[in-house]
């Protein structure tokens, strides 16, 4: 078995353990038992539990993104496609942190690794939203604009609202944050951006 196959086995085992025990209670020994490796051998593939957890989360989000894309495809309105995509993404993040019983401390510790992994995901998502904006311009829904910059701004807004909610909470677990308020704030602000681009604002 090559390294990539072994890493995939480890990731699948880690996903199973995090879902069953939660991040805090899962140990590298738990994961190692499933794949037949001791803790020292696991360090050959991943240098920490945080790094392993971050990659599990990143992979799960990438898989979910494909589901979100399929879900918004039938929507006829480009504005609704973007707002629905962002709403589904935020709801999935809440679901994910709930399933894995993620604490705020865990998120803070994993943030540097998550930021690196999410850089590629965010670039793909931004390109996807840019594609919807271009389609909207082509269909006459939106005025011509710098679609790349607008897409980047949309994700900047979402990240800023989430970050503000995380920093302003005293909750121990991430899933206890009021994500409904985050969702509403993101939808309101992004709608302002999109409505400013509409050719016929009154429609």
N, C-alpha and C. Protein backbone atom coordinates (compact mmCIF):
# COMPACT_ATOMS: atom_id res chain seq x y z
N UNK A 1 0.85 -1.20 0.00
CA UNK A 1 0.00 0.00 0.00
C UNK A 1 0.88 1.25 0.00
N UNK A 2 0.61 2.20 -0.94
CA UNK A 2 1.45 3.39 -0.99
C UNK A 2 1.01 4.41 0.06
N UNK A 3 1.78 5.49 0.16
CA UNK A 3 1.55 6.49 1.20
C UNK A 3 0.17 7.14 1.08
N UNK A 4 -0.24 7.46 -0.15
CA UNK A 4 -1.54 8.12 -0.34
C UNK A 4 -2.69 7.23 0.11
N UNK A 5 -2.60 5.93 -0.22
CA UNK A 5 -3.65 5.00 0.19
C UNK A 5 -3.69 4.88 1.71
N UNK A 6 -2.51 4.83 2.33
CA UNK A 6 -2.45 4.71 3.78
C UNK A 6 -3.00 5.95 4.45
N UNK A 7 -2.69 7.12 3.89
CA UNK A 7 -3.21 8.37 4.46
C UNK A 7 -4.73 8.41 4.36
N UNK A 8 -5.26 7.89 3.26
CA UNK A 8 -6.71 7.86 3.11
C UNK A 8 -7.34 6.94 4.15
N UNK A 9 -6.70 5.79 4.39
CA UNK A 9 -7.19 4.87 5.43
C UNK A 9 -7.18 5.56 6.80
N UNK A 10 -6.12 6.30 7.07
CA UNK A 10 -6.00 7.00 8.36
C UNK A 10 -7.08 8.07 8.47
N UNK A 11 -7.31 8.81 7.39
CA UNK A 11 -8.34 9.86 7.41
C UNK A 11 -9.72 9.27 7.65
N UNK A 12 -10.01 8.15 7.00
CA UNK A 12 -11.32 7.50 7.19
C UNK A 12 -11.48 7.01 8.63
N UNK A 13 -10.39 6.48 9.19
CA UNK A 13 -10.43 6.02 10.58
C UNK A 13 -10.61 7.20 11.52
N UNK A 14 -9.92 8.29 11.23
CA UNK A 14 -10.03 9.49 12.07
C UNK A 14 -11.45 10.06 12.01
N UNK A 15 -12.02 10.08 10.82
CA UNK A 15 -13.39 10.58 10.66
C UNK A 15 -14.35 9.75 11.51
N UNK A 16 -14.17 8.45 11.48
CA UNK A 16 -15.02 7.54 12.26
C UNK A 16 -14.87 7.81 13.76
N UNK A 17 -13.63 7.98 14.21
CA UNK A 17 -13.38 8.21 15.64
C UNK A 17 -13.89 9.57 16.10
N UNK A 18 -13.64 10.61 15.30
CA UNK A 18 -14.10 11.94 15.68
C UNK A 18 -15.63 11.99 15.77
N UNK A 19 -16.29 11.28 14.85
CA UNK A 19 -17.76 11.26 14.86
C UNK A 19 -18.29 10.45 16.05
N UNK A 20 -17.56 9.40 16.43
CA UNK A 20 -18.02 8.53 17.52
C UNK A 20 -17.71 9.10 18.89
N UNK A 21 -16.48 9.60 19.07
CA UNK A 21 -16.04 10.04 20.39
C UNK A 21 -15.97 11.56 20.54
N UNK A 22 -15.96 12.29 19.41
CA UNK A 22 -15.69 13.72 19.47
C UNK A 22 -14.19 13.97 19.41
N UNK A 23 -13.81 15.17 19.00
CA UNK A 23 -12.39 15.47 18.85
C UNK A 23 -11.62 15.32 20.16
N UNK A 24 -12.16 15.90 21.22
CA UNK A 24 -11.44 15.95 22.49
C UNK A 24 -11.12 14.56 23.04
N UNK A 25 -12.07 13.63 22.91
CA UNK A 25 -11.90 12.30 23.51
C UNK A 25 -11.18 11.32 22.59
N UNK A 26 -11.08 11.65 21.32
CA UNK A 26 -10.38 10.76 20.39
C UNK A 26 -8.87 10.85 20.62
N UNK A 27 -8.22 9.70 20.64
CA UNK A 27 -6.76 9.66 20.78
C UNK A 27 -6.15 9.08 19.50
N UNK A 28 -4.88 9.34 19.31
CA UNK A 28 -4.19 8.75 18.16
C UNK A 28 -4.16 7.23 18.27
N UNK A 29 -4.16 6.72 19.50
CA UNK A 29 -4.21 5.27 19.70
C UNK A 29 -5.52 4.69 19.16
N UNK A 30 -6.64 5.43 19.38
CA UNK A 30 -7.94 4.98 18.86
C UNK A 30 -7.89 4.85 17.35
N UNK A 31 -7.32 5.86 16.71
CA UNK A 31 -7.23 5.86 15.24
C UNK A 31 -6.27 4.77 14.77
N UNK A 32 -5.14 4.65 15.47
CA UNK A 32 -4.14 3.66 15.10
C UNK A 32 -4.65 2.24 15.15
N UNK A 33 -5.51 1.94 16.13
CA UNK A 33 -6.05 0.58 16.26
C UNK A 33 -6.83 0.18 15.02
N UNK A 34 -7.56 1.13 14.43
CA UNK A 34 -8.39 0.82 13.27
C UNK A 34 -7.53 0.51 12.04
N UNK A 35 -6.42 1.22 11.90
CA UNK A 35 -5.58 1.03 10.70
C UNK A 35 -4.35 0.16 10.96
N UNK A 36 -4.23 -0.34 12.19
CA UNK A 36 -3.12 -1.23 12.49
C UNK A 36 -1.78 -0.54 12.63
N UNK A 37 -1.79 0.70 13.17
CA UNK A 37 -0.54 1.44 13.38
C UNK A 37 -0.47 1.92 14.82
N UNK A 38 0.75 2.00 15.35
CA UNK A 38 0.89 2.60 16.68
C UNK A 38 1.04 4.12 16.53
N UNK A 39 1.05 4.81 17.67
CA UNK A 39 1.09 6.27 17.64
C UNK A 39 2.34 6.78 16.91
N UNK A 40 3.48 6.16 17.17
CA UNK A 40 4.72 6.60 16.54
C UNK A 40 4.64 6.49 15.02
N UNK A 41 4.00 5.42 14.54
CA UNK A 41 3.87 5.23 13.09
C UNK A 41 2.92 6.26 12.48
N UNK A 42 1.88 6.64 13.23
CA UNK A 42 0.94 7.65 12.73
C UNK A 42 1.64 8.98 12.51
N UNK A 43 2.63 9.29 13.35
CA UNK A 43 3.34 10.56 13.22
C UNK A 43 4.14 10.64 11.92
N UNK A 44 4.38 9.50 11.30
CA UNK A 44 5.06 9.50 10.00
C UNK A 44 4.17 10.15 8.94
N UNK A 45 2.85 9.98 9.11
CA UNK A 45 1.89 10.49 8.13
C UNK A 45 1.31 11.85 8.53
N UNK A 46 1.08 12.05 9.82
CA UNK A 46 0.52 13.31 10.32
C UNK A 46 1.26 13.70 11.60
N UNK A 47 1.68 14.97 11.68
CA UNK A 47 2.52 15.36 12.82
C UNK A 47 1.75 15.69 14.09
N UNK A 48 0.40 15.69 14.02
CA UNK A 48 -0.39 15.95 15.22
C UNK A 48 -1.85 15.57 14.99
N UNK A 49 -2.59 15.46 16.08
CA UNK A 49 -4.02 15.20 15.96
C UNK A 49 -4.72 16.40 15.33
N UNK A 50 -4.23 17.61 15.62
CA UNK A 50 -4.80 18.82 15.02
C UNK A 50 -4.70 18.78 13.50
N UNK A 51 -3.53 18.37 13.00
CA UNK A 51 -3.32 18.32 11.55
C UNK A 51 -4.25 17.29 10.91
N UNK A 52 -4.42 16.17 11.58
CA UNK A 52 -5.31 15.12 11.09
C UNK A 52 -6.76 15.60 11.09
N UNK A 53 -7.15 16.24 12.18
CA UNK A 53 -8.51 16.76 12.29
C UNK A 53 -8.79 17.81 11.21
N UNK A 54 -7.83 18.69 10.99
CA UNK A 54 -8.00 19.75 9.99
C UNK A 54 -8.22 19.17 8.60
N UNK A 55 -7.47 18.11 8.28
CA UNK A 55 -7.63 17.52 6.95
C UNK A 55 -8.96 16.77 6.83
N UNK A 56 -9.41 16.15 7.91
CA UNK A 56 -10.72 15.50 7.90
C UNK A 56 -11.81 16.53 7.61
N UNK A 57 -11.76 17.66 8.33
CA UNK A 57 -12.75 18.72 8.14
C UNK A 57 -12.71 19.26 6.72
N UNK A 58 -11.51 19.51 6.21
CA UNK A 58 -11.36 20.05 4.85
C UNK A 58 -11.94 19.10 3.82
N UNK A 59 -11.68 17.81 3.97
CA UNK A 59 -12.21 16.82 3.02
C UNK A 59 -13.73 16.74 3.09
N UNK A 60 -14.27 16.79 4.30
CA UNK A 60 -15.72 16.71 4.45
C UNK A 60 -16.40 17.93 3.83
N UNK A 61 -15.78 19.08 3.97
CA UNK A 61 -16.34 20.30 3.39
C UNK A 61 -16.28 20.23 1.86
N UNK A 62 -15.18 19.73 1.32
CA UNK A 62 -15.08 19.61 -0.14
C UNK A 62 -16.16 18.69 -0.69
N UNK A 63 -16.43 17.60 0.02
CA UNK A 63 -17.49 16.68 -0.40
C UNK A 63 -18.85 17.37 -0.33
N UNK A 64 -19.07 18.12 0.74
CA UNK A 64 -20.35 18.81 0.93
C UNK A 64 -20.57 19.88 -0.14
N UNK A 65 -19.50 20.53 -0.54
CA UNK A 65 -19.60 21.60 -1.55
C UNK A 65 -20.21 21.06 -2.84
N UNK A 66 -19.85 19.84 -3.20
CA UNK A 66 -20.42 19.24 -4.41
C UNK A 66 -21.94 19.07 -4.27
N UNK A 67 -22.38 18.74 -3.06
CA UNK A 67 -23.82 18.60 -2.80
C UNK A 67 -24.50 19.96 -2.90
N UNK A 68 -23.86 21.00 -2.34
CA UNK A 68 -24.44 22.35 -2.40
C UNK A 68 -24.60 22.80 -3.85
N UNK A 69 -23.59 22.53 -4.65
CA UNK A 69 -23.63 22.96 -6.06
C UNK A 69 -24.79 22.30 -6.80
N UNK A 70 -24.98 21.02 -6.54
CA UNK A 70 -26.08 20.30 -7.19
C UNK A 70 -27.43 20.84 -6.71
N UNK A 71 -27.49 21.22 -5.44
CA UNK A 71 -28.75 21.70 -4.86
C UNK A 71 -29.19 23.03 -5.46
N UNK A 72 -28.23 23.91 -5.76
CA UNK A 72 -28.62 25.23 -6.26
C UNK A 72 -28.76 25.26 -7.78
N UNK A 73 -28.31 24.22 -8.45
CA UNK A 73 -28.34 24.20 -9.92
C UNK A 73 -29.74 24.46 -10.50
N UNK A 74 -30.82 23.88 -9.93
CA UNK A 74 -32.15 24.10 -10.52
C UNK A 74 -32.70 25.52 -10.32
N UNK A 75 -32.11 26.29 -9.40
CA UNK A 75 -32.64 27.62 -9.13
C UNK A 75 -32.43 28.52 -10.35
N UNK A 76 -33.48 29.21 -10.80
CA UNK A 76 -33.38 30.01 -12.02
C UNK A 76 -32.68 31.36 -11.82
N UNK A 77 -32.66 31.84 -10.59
CA UNK A 77 -32.16 33.19 -10.30
C UNK A 77 -30.74 33.13 -9.74
N UNK A 78 -29.81 33.85 -10.37
CA UNK A 78 -28.41 33.81 -9.94
C UNK A 78 -28.23 34.39 -8.54
N UNK A 79 -29.00 35.40 -8.21
CA UNK A 79 -28.95 35.98 -6.86
C UNK A 79 -29.32 34.93 -5.82
N UNK A 80 -30.40 34.20 -6.08
CA UNK A 80 -30.84 33.16 -5.14
C UNK A 80 -29.84 32.02 -5.06
N UNK A 81 -29.19 31.71 -6.18
CA UNK A 81 -28.18 30.65 -6.17
C UNK A 81 -27.05 30.99 -5.20
N UNK A 82 -26.57 32.21 -5.26
CA UNK A 82 -25.46 32.62 -4.40
C UNK A 82 -25.88 32.63 -2.93
N UNK A 83 -27.03 33.22 -2.64
CA UNK A 83 -27.50 33.30 -1.25
C UNK A 83 -27.79 31.91 -0.68
N UNK A 84 -28.36 31.04 -1.50
CA UNK A 84 -28.66 29.67 -1.04
C UNK A 84 -27.37 28.90 -0.79
N UNK A 85 -26.40 29.07 -1.67
CA UNK A 85 -25.11 28.39 -1.50
C UNK A 85 -24.46 28.79 -0.17
N UNK A 86 -24.43 30.08 0.11
CA UNK A 86 -23.81 30.56 1.35
C UNK A 86 -24.57 30.05 2.58
N UNK A 87 -25.90 30.05 2.49
CA UNK A 87 -26.70 29.56 3.61
C UNK A 87 -26.42 28.08 3.88
N UNK A 88 -26.37 27.27 2.82
CA UNK A 88 -26.11 25.84 2.99
C UNK A 88 -24.72 25.60 3.56
N UNK A 89 -23.77 26.40 3.14
CA UNK A 89 -22.40 26.24 3.63
C UNK A 89 -22.31 26.54 5.12
N UNK A 90 -22.96 27.60 5.55
CA UNK A 90 -22.95 27.96 6.98
C UNK A 90 -23.66 26.90 7.82
N UNK A 91 -24.77 26.39 7.32
CA UNK A 91 -25.51 25.36 8.06
C UNK A 91 -24.69 24.07 8.16
N UNK A 92 -23.96 23.77 7.11
CA UNK A 92 -23.15 22.55 7.14
C UNK A 92 -22.01 22.69 8.14
N UNK A 93 -21.42 23.88 8.24
CA UNK A 93 -20.35 24.10 9.21
C UNK A 93 -20.86 23.85 10.63
N UNK A 94 -22.07 24.30 10.91
CA UNK A 94 -22.65 24.07 12.24
C UNK A 94 -22.85 22.58 12.47
N UNK A 95 -23.36 21.90 11.44
CA UNK A 95 -23.58 20.45 11.53
C UNK A 95 -22.26 19.72 11.78
N UNK A 96 -21.23 20.12 11.06
CA UNK A 96 -19.93 19.46 11.15
C UNK A 96 -19.32 19.61 12.54
N UNK A 97 -19.37 20.82 13.07
CA UNK A 97 -18.79 21.05 14.40
C UNK A 97 -19.60 20.34 15.48
N UNK A 98 -20.90 20.15 15.22
CA UNK A 98 -21.74 19.44 16.18
C UNK A 98 -21.42 17.95 16.17
N UNK A 99 -21.30 17.38 14.98
CA UNK A 99 -21.00 15.95 14.84
C UNK A 99 -19.68 15.59 15.52
N UNK A 100 -18.69 16.46 15.37
CA UNK A 100 -17.36 16.17 15.92
C UNK A 100 -17.15 16.77 17.32
N UNK A 101 -18.20 17.38 17.88
CA UNK A 101 -18.12 17.94 19.24
C UNK A 101 -16.91 18.87 19.39
N UNK A 102 -16.82 19.85 18.49
CA UNK A 102 -15.65 20.71 18.45
C UNK A 102 -15.78 21.87 19.43
N UNK A 103 -14.74 22.05 20.25
CA UNK A 103 -14.73 23.17 21.20
C UNK A 103 -14.08 24.39 20.55
N UNK A 104 -14.32 25.55 21.15
CA UNK A 104 -13.71 26.77 20.66
C UNK A 104 -12.18 26.69 20.76
N UNK A 105 -11.70 26.05 21.82
CA UNK A 105 -10.26 25.91 22.01
C UNK A 105 -9.65 25.08 20.88
N UNK A 106 -10.35 24.02 20.49
CA UNK A 106 -9.88 23.18 19.38
C UNK A 106 -9.80 23.99 18.09
N UNK A 107 -10.83 24.79 17.83
CA UNK A 107 -10.84 25.61 16.62
C UNK A 107 -9.69 26.61 16.62
N UNK A 108 -9.41 27.19 17.78
CA UNK A 108 -8.31 28.15 17.86
C UNK A 108 -6.97 27.46 17.60
N UNK A 109 -6.79 26.28 18.18
CA UNK A 109 -5.53 25.55 18.00
C UNK A 109 -5.35 25.09 16.56
N UNK A 110 -6.46 24.69 15.93
CA UNK A 110 -6.37 24.15 14.57
C UNK A 110 -6.39 25.24 13.50
N UNK A 111 -6.63 26.49 13.89
CA UNK A 111 -6.82 27.57 12.92
C UNK A 111 -5.68 27.73 11.92
N UNK A 112 -4.41 27.71 12.35
CA UNK A 112 -3.32 27.88 11.37
C UNK A 112 -3.32 26.78 10.30
N UNK A 113 -3.54 25.54 10.73
CA UNK A 113 -3.57 24.43 9.77
C UNK A 113 -4.80 24.51 8.88
N UNK A 114 -5.94 24.83 9.49
CA UNK A 114 -7.18 24.96 8.72
C UNK A 114 -7.06 26.06 7.67
N UNK A 115 -6.42 27.16 8.04
CA UNK A 115 -6.28 28.29 7.12
C UNK A 115 -5.52 27.87 5.86
N UNK A 116 -4.47 27.06 6.04
CA UNK A 116 -3.70 26.60 4.88
C UNK A 116 -4.52 25.67 3.99
N UNK A 117 -5.24 24.74 4.63
CA UNK A 117 -6.05 23.79 3.87
C UNK A 117 -7.22 24.47 3.18
N UNK A 118 -7.80 25.46 3.85
CA UNK A 118 -8.98 26.13 3.31
C UNK A 118 -8.64 27.12 2.21
N UNK A 119 -7.37 27.47 2.09
CA UNK A 119 -6.97 28.42 1.06
C UNK A 119 -7.33 27.90 -0.33
N UNK A 120 -7.07 26.63 -0.56
CA UNK A 120 -7.38 26.02 -1.85
C UNK A 120 -8.89 25.88 -2.04
N UNK A 121 -9.59 25.47 -0.96
CA UNK A 121 -11.04 25.32 -1.04
C UNK A 121 -11.70 26.66 -1.33
N UNK A 122 -11.24 27.70 -0.64
CA UNK A 122 -11.81 29.03 -0.82
C UNK A 122 -11.59 29.55 -2.25
N UNK A 123 -10.42 29.24 -2.81
CA UNK A 123 -10.14 29.66 -4.19
C UNK A 123 -11.13 29.00 -5.15
N UNK A 124 -11.43 27.72 -4.92
CA UNK A 124 -12.39 27.00 -5.77
C UNK A 124 -13.80 27.56 -5.60
N UNK A 125 -14.16 27.85 -4.35
CA UNK A 125 -15.49 28.40 -4.09
C UNK A 125 -15.65 29.78 -4.70
N UNK A 126 -14.61 30.58 -4.58
CA UNK A 126 -14.65 31.93 -5.13
C UNK A 126 -14.81 31.88 -6.65
N UNK A 127 -14.10 30.94 -7.29
CA UNK A 127 -14.22 30.78 -8.74
C UNK A 127 -15.63 30.33 -9.11
N UNK A 128 -16.23 29.49 -8.27
CA UNK A 128 -17.59 29.01 -8.52
C UNK A 128 -18.59 30.16 -8.45
N UNK A 129 -18.48 30.99 -7.41
CA UNK A 129 -19.37 32.14 -7.27
C UNK A 129 -19.14 33.13 -8.41
N UNK A 130 -17.89 33.29 -8.81
CA UNK A 130 -17.58 34.16 -9.94
C UNK A 130 -18.29 33.67 -11.20
N UNK A 131 -18.34 32.35 -11.37
CA UNK A 131 -19.04 31.77 -12.53
C UNK A 131 -20.52 32.10 -12.52
N UNK A 132 -21.13 32.07 -11.33
CA UNK A 132 -22.55 32.42 -11.21
C UNK A 132 -22.76 33.90 -11.55
N UNK A 133 -21.86 34.74 -11.08
CA UNK A 133 -21.96 36.18 -11.38
C UNK A 133 -21.84 36.43 -12.89
N UNK A 134 -20.91 35.74 -13.53
CA UNK A 134 -20.75 35.88 -14.98
C UNK A 134 -22.01 35.43 -15.71
N UNK A 135 -22.61 34.35 -15.23
CA UNK A 135 -23.86 33.87 -15.82
C UNK A 135 -24.96 34.90 -15.64
N UNK A 136 -24.98 35.53 -14.46
CA UNK A 136 -25.98 36.57 -14.20
C UNK A 136 -25.82 37.76 -15.12
N UNK A 137 -24.58 38.13 -15.41
CA UNK A 137 -24.32 39.23 -16.34
C UNK A 137 -24.77 38.84 -17.75
N UNK A 138 -24.46 37.61 -18.12
CA UNK A 138 -24.83 37.10 -19.45
C UNK A 138 -26.35 37.08 -19.63
N UNK A 139 -27.06 36.73 -18.55
CA UNK A 139 -28.52 36.66 -18.61
C UNK A 139 -29.20 38.02 -18.45
N UNK A 140 -28.41 39.03 -18.12
CA UNK A 140 -28.97 40.36 -17.94
C UNK A 140 -29.48 40.62 -16.53
N UNK A 141 -29.16 39.72 -15.59
CA UNK A 141 -29.58 39.93 -14.19
C UNK A 141 -28.70 40.97 -13.50
N UNK A 142 -27.40 40.92 -13.80
CA UNK A 142 -26.45 41.81 -13.15
C UNK A 142 -25.79 42.75 -14.16
N UNK A 143 -25.36 43.90 -13.66
CA UNK A 143 -24.58 44.82 -14.47
C UNK A 143 -23.15 44.29 -14.59
N UNK A 144 -22.45 44.64 -15.66
CA UNK A 144 -21.04 44.23 -15.77
C UNK A 144 -20.24 44.72 -14.56
N UNK A 145 -19.36 43.87 -14.05
CA UNK A 145 -18.58 44.23 -12.87
C UNK A 145 -17.31 43.39 -12.83
N UNK A 146 -16.46 43.68 -11.87
CA UNK A 146 -15.26 42.88 -11.65
C UNK A 146 -15.70 41.65 -10.85
N UNK A 147 -16.08 40.59 -11.55
CA UNK A 147 -16.67 39.42 -10.91
C UNK A 147 -15.72 38.74 -9.92
N UNK A 148 -14.45 38.74 -10.24
CA UNK A 148 -13.46 38.13 -9.35
C UNK A 148 -13.42 38.87 -8.01
N UNK A 149 -13.43 40.19 -8.10
CA UNK A 149 -13.37 41.00 -6.89
C UNK A 149 -14.65 40.88 -6.08
N UNK A 150 -15.79 40.85 -6.76
CA UNK A 150 -17.07 40.72 -6.06
C UNK A 150 -17.15 39.37 -5.34
N UNK A 151 -16.74 38.30 -6.02
CA UNK A 151 -16.76 36.97 -5.41
C UNK A 151 -15.87 36.95 -4.17
N UNK A 152 -14.70 37.55 -4.29
CA UNK A 152 -13.78 37.62 -3.14
C UNK A 152 -14.42 38.40 -1.99
N UNK A 153 -15.10 39.49 -2.31
CA UNK A 153 -15.74 40.32 -1.29
C UNK A 153 -16.84 39.56 -0.56
N UNK A 154 -17.57 38.74 -1.30
CA UNK A 154 -18.66 37.95 -0.70
C UNK A 154 -18.11 37.01 0.37
N UNK A 155 -17.01 36.34 0.07
CA UNK A 155 -16.44 35.42 1.05
C UNK A 155 -15.74 36.17 2.19
N UNK A 156 -15.23 37.36 1.89
CA UNK A 156 -14.65 38.19 2.95
C UNK A 156 -15.72 38.58 3.96
N UNK A 157 -16.90 38.92 3.45
CA UNK A 157 -18.03 39.27 4.33
C UNK A 157 -18.41 38.08 5.20
N UNK A 158 -18.55 36.91 4.59
CA UNK A 158 -18.94 35.73 5.35
C UNK A 158 -17.91 35.39 6.43
N UNK A 159 -16.64 35.47 6.07
CA UNK A 159 -15.58 35.17 7.02
C UNK A 159 -15.57 36.17 8.18
N UNK A 160 -15.78 37.44 7.86
CA UNK A 160 -15.77 38.49 8.89
C UNK A 160 -16.93 38.31 9.87
N UNK A 161 -18.11 37.98 9.37
CA UNK A 161 -19.27 37.79 10.24
C UNK A 161 -19.06 36.57 11.14
N UNK A 162 -18.54 35.48 10.57
CA UNK A 162 -18.26 34.28 11.37
C UNK A 162 -17.22 34.58 12.44
N UNK A 163 -16.16 35.26 12.04
CA UNK A 163 -15.07 35.56 12.97
C UNK A 163 -15.59 36.42 14.13
N UNK A 164 -16.44 37.38 13.82
CA UNK A 164 -17.00 38.25 14.85
C UNK A 164 -17.85 37.44 15.84
N UNK A 165 -18.62 36.48 15.31
CA UNK A 165 -19.45 35.64 16.17
C UNK A 165 -18.59 34.75 17.06
N UNK A 166 -17.50 34.22 16.51
CA UNK A 166 -16.61 33.35 17.27
C UNK A 166 -15.90 34.13 18.38
N UNK A 167 -15.47 35.34 18.05
CA UNK A 167 -14.72 36.13 19.03
C UNK A 167 -15.63 36.70 20.12
N UNK A 168 -16.91 36.86 19.80
CA UNK A 168 -17.82 37.47 20.75
C UNK A 168 -18.60 36.49 21.61
N UNK A 169 -18.22 35.21 21.55
CA UNK A 169 -18.96 34.21 22.31
C UNK A 169 -18.18 33.71 23.52
N UNK A 170 -18.91 33.28 24.54
CA UNK A 170 -18.27 32.61 25.67
C UNK A 170 -18.67 31.14 25.70
N UNK A 171 -19.28 30.68 24.58
CA UNK A 171 -19.67 29.27 24.48
C UNK A 171 -18.43 28.38 24.42
N UNK A 172 -18.53 27.20 25.01
CA UNK A 172 -17.39 26.28 24.98
C UNK A 172 -17.35 25.51 23.67
N UNK A 173 -18.52 25.13 23.16
CA UNK A 173 -18.58 24.36 21.93
C UNK A 173 -19.03 25.24 20.76
N UNK A 174 -18.42 25.01 19.60
CA UNK A 174 -18.69 25.83 18.42
C UNK A 174 -20.15 25.77 18.02
N UNK A 175 -20.77 24.58 18.14
CA UNK A 175 -22.16 24.45 17.68
C UNK A 175 -23.16 25.18 18.58
N UNK A 176 -22.69 25.76 19.68
CA UNK A 176 -23.57 26.54 20.56
C UNK A 176 -23.65 28.01 20.13
N UNK A 177 -22.81 28.40 19.19
CA UNK A 177 -22.86 29.76 18.66
C UNK A 177 -24.16 29.92 17.86
N UNK A 178 -24.76 31.09 17.96
CA UNK A 178 -26.02 31.35 17.25
C UNK A 178 -25.73 31.55 15.76
N UNK A 179 -25.69 30.44 15.03
CA UNK A 179 -25.39 30.51 13.61
C UNK A 179 -26.56 31.07 12.80
N UNK A 180 -27.76 31.07 13.39
CA UNK A 180 -28.90 31.68 12.70
C UNK A 180 -28.65 33.18 12.52
N UNK A 181 -28.11 33.81 13.57
CA UNK A 181 -27.79 35.23 13.49
C UNK A 181 -26.68 35.47 12.47
N UNK A 182 -25.70 34.58 12.43
CA UNK A 182 -24.61 34.69 11.45
C UNK A 182 -25.18 34.57 10.04
N UNK A 183 -26.04 33.58 9.86
CA UNK A 183 -26.66 33.34 8.56
C UNK A 183 -27.45 34.56 8.08
N UNK A 184 -28.22 35.15 9.00
CA UNK A 184 -29.04 36.32 8.64
C UNK A 184 -28.17 37.52 8.29
N UNK A 185 -27.10 37.72 9.05
CA UNK A 185 -26.21 38.86 8.80
C UNK A 185 -25.49 38.71 7.47
N UNK A 186 -25.03 37.49 7.18
CA UNK A 186 -24.35 37.24 5.90
C UNK A 186 -25.33 37.45 4.74
N UNK A 187 -26.54 36.90 4.87
CA UNK A 187 -27.54 37.04 3.81
C UNK A 187 -27.89 38.51 3.56
N UNK A 188 -28.05 39.26 4.64
CA UNK A 188 -28.40 40.68 4.52
C UNK A 188 -27.30 41.46 3.79
N UNK A 189 -26.05 41.25 4.22
CA UNK A 189 -24.94 42.03 3.65
C UNK A 189 -24.65 41.62 2.21
N UNK A 190 -24.66 40.32 1.94
CA UNK A 190 -24.39 39.85 0.57
C UNK A 190 -25.53 40.27 -0.36
N UNK A 191 -26.76 40.26 0.15
CA UNK A 191 -27.90 40.72 -0.67
C UNK A 191 -27.73 42.18 -1.07
N UNK A 192 -27.19 43.00 -0.16
CA UNK A 192 -26.93 44.40 -0.50
C UNK A 192 -25.94 44.50 -1.66
N UNK A 193 -24.90 43.67 -1.61
CA UNK A 193 -23.90 43.67 -2.69
C UNK A 193 -24.56 43.26 -4.01
N UNK A 194 -25.31 42.17 -3.97
CA UNK A 194 -25.92 41.64 -5.20
C UNK A 194 -27.00 42.57 -5.74
N UNK A 195 -27.78 43.16 -4.84
CA UNK A 195 -28.83 44.07 -5.30
C UNK A 195 -28.24 45.33 -5.93
N UNK A 196 -27.06 45.71 -5.48
CA UNK A 196 -26.39 46.85 -6.09
C UNK A 196 -25.92 46.56 -7.51
N UNK A 197 -25.82 45.28 -7.84
CA UNK A 197 -25.38 44.87 -9.18
C UNK A 197 -26.54 44.61 -10.13
N UNK A 198 -27.76 44.55 -9.59
CA UNK A 198 -28.89 44.18 -10.43
C UNK A 198 -29.21 45.28 -11.45
N UNK A 199 -29.53 44.84 -12.65
CA UNK A 199 -29.89 45.80 -13.70
C UNK A 199 -31.25 46.42 -13.43
N UNK A 200 -32.14 45.59 -12.88
CA UNK A 200 -33.50 46.06 -12.59
C UNK A 200 -33.78 45.82 -11.11
N UNK A 201 -33.35 46.73 -10.23
CA UNK A 201 -33.46 46.54 -8.78
C UNK A 201 -34.88 46.29 -8.28
N UNK A 202 -35.88 46.74 -9.03
CA UNK A 202 -37.26 46.60 -8.56
C UNK A 202 -37.88 45.25 -8.88
N UNK A 203 -37.16 44.42 -9.64
CA UNK A 203 -37.72 43.11 -10.01
C UNK A 203 -37.58 42.15 -8.84
